């Protein structure tokens, strides 16, 4: 993947998971309310992870390896 960012293997895995979540969401039944609720939660987490990958964690979030 030749993008604007230096991606780790973990980042690439997260991107692939995000693409799969999007594909799953596009193919699901809109009549299954429970499945829709789960998918919305899954997509919310996926978007949050992608934003963190680009912008870093939200302010006030401890960084891994940093002691409190």
N, C-alpha and C. Protein backbone atom coordinates (compact mmCIF):
# COMPACT_ATOMS: atom_id res chain seq x y z
N UNK A 1 0.85 -1.17 0.00
CA UNK A 1 0.00 0.00 0.00
C UNK A 1 0.90 1.23 0.00
N UNK A 2 0.83 2.04 -1.00
CA UNK A 2 1.64 3.25 -1.09
C UNK A 2 0.77 4.45 -0.76
N UNK A 3 0.66 4.77 0.52
CA UNK A 3 -0.17 5.88 0.95
C UNK A 3 0.69 7.02 1.45
N UNK A 4 0.04 7.95 2.11
CA UNK A 4 0.73 9.13 2.63
C UNK A 4 1.39 8.85 3.97
N UNK A 5 1.12 7.73 4.58
CA UNK A 5 1.59 7.46 5.92
C UNK A 5 2.50 6.23 5.93
N UNK A 6 3.38 6.21 6.91
CA UNK A 6 4.19 5.01 7.15
C UNK A 6 3.33 4.09 8.01
N UNK A 7 2.84 3.02 7.42
CA UNK A 7 1.93 2.12 8.11
C UNK A 7 2.67 0.92 8.67
N UNK A 8 2.30 0.56 9.89
CA UNK A 8 2.82 -0.66 10.47
C UNK A 8 1.96 -1.82 9.99
N UNK A 9 2.39 -3.01 10.29
CA UNK A 9 1.60 -4.19 9.93
C UNK A 9 0.26 -4.16 10.67
N UNK A 10 0.28 -3.69 11.91
CA UNK A 10 -0.95 -3.56 12.69
C UNK A 10 -1.90 -2.55 12.03
N UNK A 11 -1.37 -1.43 11.55
CA UNK A 11 -2.20 -0.44 10.85
C UNK A 11 -2.84 -1.05 9.61
N UNK A 12 -2.07 -1.80 8.86
CA UNK A 12 -2.61 -2.43 7.65
C UNK A 12 -3.73 -3.41 8.00
N UNK A 13 -3.54 -4.13 9.11
CA UNK A 13 -4.57 -5.07 9.56
C UNK A 13 -5.85 -4.32 9.94
N UNK A 14 -5.71 -3.18 10.60
CA UNK A 14 -6.87 -2.37 10.97
C UNK A 14 -7.59 -1.84 9.73
N UNK A 15 -6.84 -1.45 8.73
CA UNK A 15 -7.44 -0.96 7.49
C UNK A 15 -8.21 -2.08 6.79
N UNK A 16 -7.63 -3.26 6.73
CA UNK A 16 -8.33 -4.40 6.13
C UNK A 16 -9.61 -4.73 6.90
N UNK A 17 -9.54 -4.67 8.23
CA UNK A 17 -10.72 -4.93 9.05
C UNK A 17 -11.79 -3.87 8.81
N UNK A 18 -11.38 -2.63 8.63
CA UNK A 18 -12.33 -1.55 8.35
C UNK A 18 -13.01 -1.77 7.00
N UNK A 19 -12.25 -2.18 6.02
CA UNK A 19 -12.82 -2.46 4.69
C UNK A 19 -13.81 -3.62 4.76
N UNK A 20 -13.47 -4.63 5.55
CA UNK A 20 -14.37 -5.78 5.70
C UNK A 20 -15.64 -5.37 6.43
N UNK A 21 -15.52 -4.54 7.46
CA UNK A 21 -16.70 -4.06 8.18
C UNK A 21 -17.62 -3.27 7.26
N UNK A 22 -17.04 -2.45 6.41
CA UNK A 22 -17.84 -1.68 5.45
C UNK A 22 -18.53 -2.60 4.46
N UNK A 23 -17.83 -3.59 3.96
CA UNK A 23 -18.43 -4.55 3.02
C UNK A 23 -19.56 -5.32 3.69
N UNK A 24 -19.34 -5.73 4.94
CA UNK A 24 -20.39 -6.44 5.69
C UNK A 24 -21.61 -5.57 5.88
N UNK A 25 -21.39 -4.29 6.20
CA UNK A 25 -22.50 -3.37 6.42
C UNK A 25 -23.31 -3.16 5.14
N UNK A 26 -22.65 -3.13 4.01
CA UNK A 26 -23.34 -2.91 2.74
C UNK A 26 -24.17 -4.10 2.30
N UNK A 27 -23.86 -5.27 2.83
CA UNK A 27 -24.57 -6.47 2.39
C UNK A 27 -25.58 -7.00 3.41
N UNK A 28 -25.76 -6.29 4.51
CA UNK A 28 -26.66 -6.81 5.54
C UNK A 28 -28.11 -6.40 5.29
N UNK A 29 -29.01 -7.14 5.90
CA UNK A 29 -30.44 -6.86 5.79
C UNK A 29 -30.81 -5.67 6.66
N UNK A 30 -31.51 -4.72 6.09
CA UNK A 30 -31.95 -3.56 6.85
C UNK A 30 -33.14 -3.89 7.76
N UNK A 31 -33.70 -5.07 7.62
CA UNK A 31 -34.85 -5.47 8.42
C UNK A 31 -34.44 -6.07 9.77
N UNK A 32 -33.21 -6.46 9.90
CA UNK A 32 -32.71 -7.06 11.15
C UNK A 32 -32.18 -5.96 12.06
N UNK A 33 -33.04 -5.48 12.96
CA UNK A 33 -32.72 -4.34 13.81
C UNK A 33 -31.55 -4.65 14.74
N UNK A 34 -31.50 -5.84 15.30
CA UNK A 34 -30.40 -6.20 16.20
C UNK A 34 -29.06 -6.20 15.46
N UNK A 35 -29.07 -6.78 14.28
CA UNK A 35 -27.84 -6.82 13.48
C UNK A 35 -27.41 -5.41 13.09
N UNK A 36 -28.37 -4.57 12.80
CA UNK A 36 -28.06 -3.18 12.44
C UNK A 36 -27.42 -2.46 13.63
N UNK A 37 -27.94 -2.66 14.82
CA UNK A 37 -27.39 -2.01 16.02
C UNK A 37 -25.95 -2.48 16.26
N UNK A 38 -25.71 -3.78 16.13
CA UNK A 38 -24.35 -4.31 16.30
C UNK A 38 -23.41 -3.73 15.24
N UNK A 39 -23.90 -3.64 14.01
CA UNK A 39 -23.07 -3.12 12.92
C UNK A 39 -22.74 -1.65 13.13
N UNK A 40 -23.70 -0.89 13.60
CA UNK A 40 -23.44 0.53 13.88
C UNK A 40 -22.35 0.66 14.94
N UNK A 41 -22.41 -0.16 15.97
CA UNK A 41 -21.37 -0.15 16.99
C UNK A 41 -20.02 -0.54 16.42
N UNK A 42 -20.02 -1.55 15.57
CA UNK A 42 -18.77 -2.01 14.95
C UNK A 42 -18.18 -0.91 14.06
N UNK A 43 -19.03 -0.25 13.29
CA UNK A 43 -18.55 0.82 12.42
C UNK A 43 -18.05 2.02 13.22
N UNK A 44 -18.71 2.30 14.34
CA UNK A 44 -18.28 3.41 15.20
C UNK A 44 -16.87 3.15 15.73
N UNK A 45 -16.63 1.95 16.21
CA UNK A 45 -15.30 1.59 16.72
C UNK A 45 -14.27 1.64 15.60
N UNK A 46 -14.65 1.15 14.43
CA UNK A 46 -13.73 1.13 13.29
C UNK A 46 -13.33 2.54 12.88
N UNK A 47 -14.29 3.43 12.81
CA UNK A 47 -13.98 4.82 12.44
C UNK A 47 -13.09 5.46 13.51
N UNK A 48 -13.39 5.21 14.76
CA UNK A 48 -12.58 5.75 15.86
C UNK A 48 -11.13 5.28 15.74
N UNK A 49 -10.93 4.00 15.43
CA UNK A 49 -9.58 3.46 15.29
C UNK A 49 -8.84 4.09 14.11
N UNK A 50 -9.54 4.28 13.00
CA UNK A 50 -8.90 4.89 11.84
C UNK A 50 -8.53 6.34 12.10
N UNK A 51 -9.39 7.07 12.80
CA UNK A 51 -9.09 8.46 13.14
C UNK A 51 -7.88 8.52 14.06
N UNK A 52 -7.83 7.63 15.06
CA UNK A 52 -6.68 7.59 15.96
C UNK A 52 -5.40 7.25 15.20
N UNK A 53 -5.50 6.40 14.21
CA UNK A 53 -4.34 6.01 13.43
C UNK A 53 -3.78 7.23 12.68
N UNK A 54 -4.65 8.12 12.24
CA UNK A 54 -4.23 9.29 11.48
C UNK A 54 -3.87 10.45 12.39
N UNK A 55 -4.71 10.74 13.38
CA UNK A 55 -4.54 11.92 14.22
C UNK A 55 -3.92 11.65 15.58
N UNK A 56 -3.85 10.42 15.99
CA UNK A 56 -3.38 10.10 17.33
C UNK A 56 -4.57 9.97 18.27
N UNK A 57 -4.32 9.53 19.49
CA UNK A 57 -5.41 9.33 20.45
C UNK A 57 -6.02 10.66 20.89
N UNK A 58 -7.27 10.62 21.36
CA UNK A 58 -7.91 11.85 21.86
C UNK A 58 -7.12 12.45 23.01
N UNK A 59 -7.25 13.75 23.20
CA UNK A 59 -6.54 14.44 24.29
C UNK A 59 -6.94 13.82 25.63
N UNK A 60 -5.95 13.66 26.48
CA UNK A 60 -6.20 13.09 27.80
C UNK A 60 -6.10 11.59 27.84
N UNK A 61 -5.92 10.94 26.70
CA UNK A 61 -5.79 9.48 26.66
C UNK A 61 -4.34 9.12 26.93
N UNK A 62 -4.09 8.23 27.90
CA UNK A 62 -2.70 7.83 28.16
C UNK A 62 -2.09 7.14 26.95
N UNK A 63 -0.86 7.47 26.67
CA UNK A 63 -0.14 6.85 25.57
C UNK A 63 0.52 5.58 26.08
N UNK A 64 0.51 4.52 25.26
CA UNK A 64 1.13 3.26 25.67
C UNK A 64 2.60 3.51 26.00
N UNK A 65 3.04 2.91 27.08
CA UNK A 65 4.41 3.04 27.49
C UNK A 65 4.65 4.24 28.40
N UNK A 66 3.66 5.11 28.50
CA UNK A 66 3.76 6.28 29.36
C UNK A 66 3.22 5.95 30.73
N UNK A 67 3.92 6.29 31.78
CA UNK A 67 3.44 6.00 33.13
C UNK A 67 2.57 7.14 33.62
N UNK A 68 1.53 6.79 34.38
CA UNK A 68 0.61 7.79 34.91
C UNK A 68 1.14 8.41 36.17
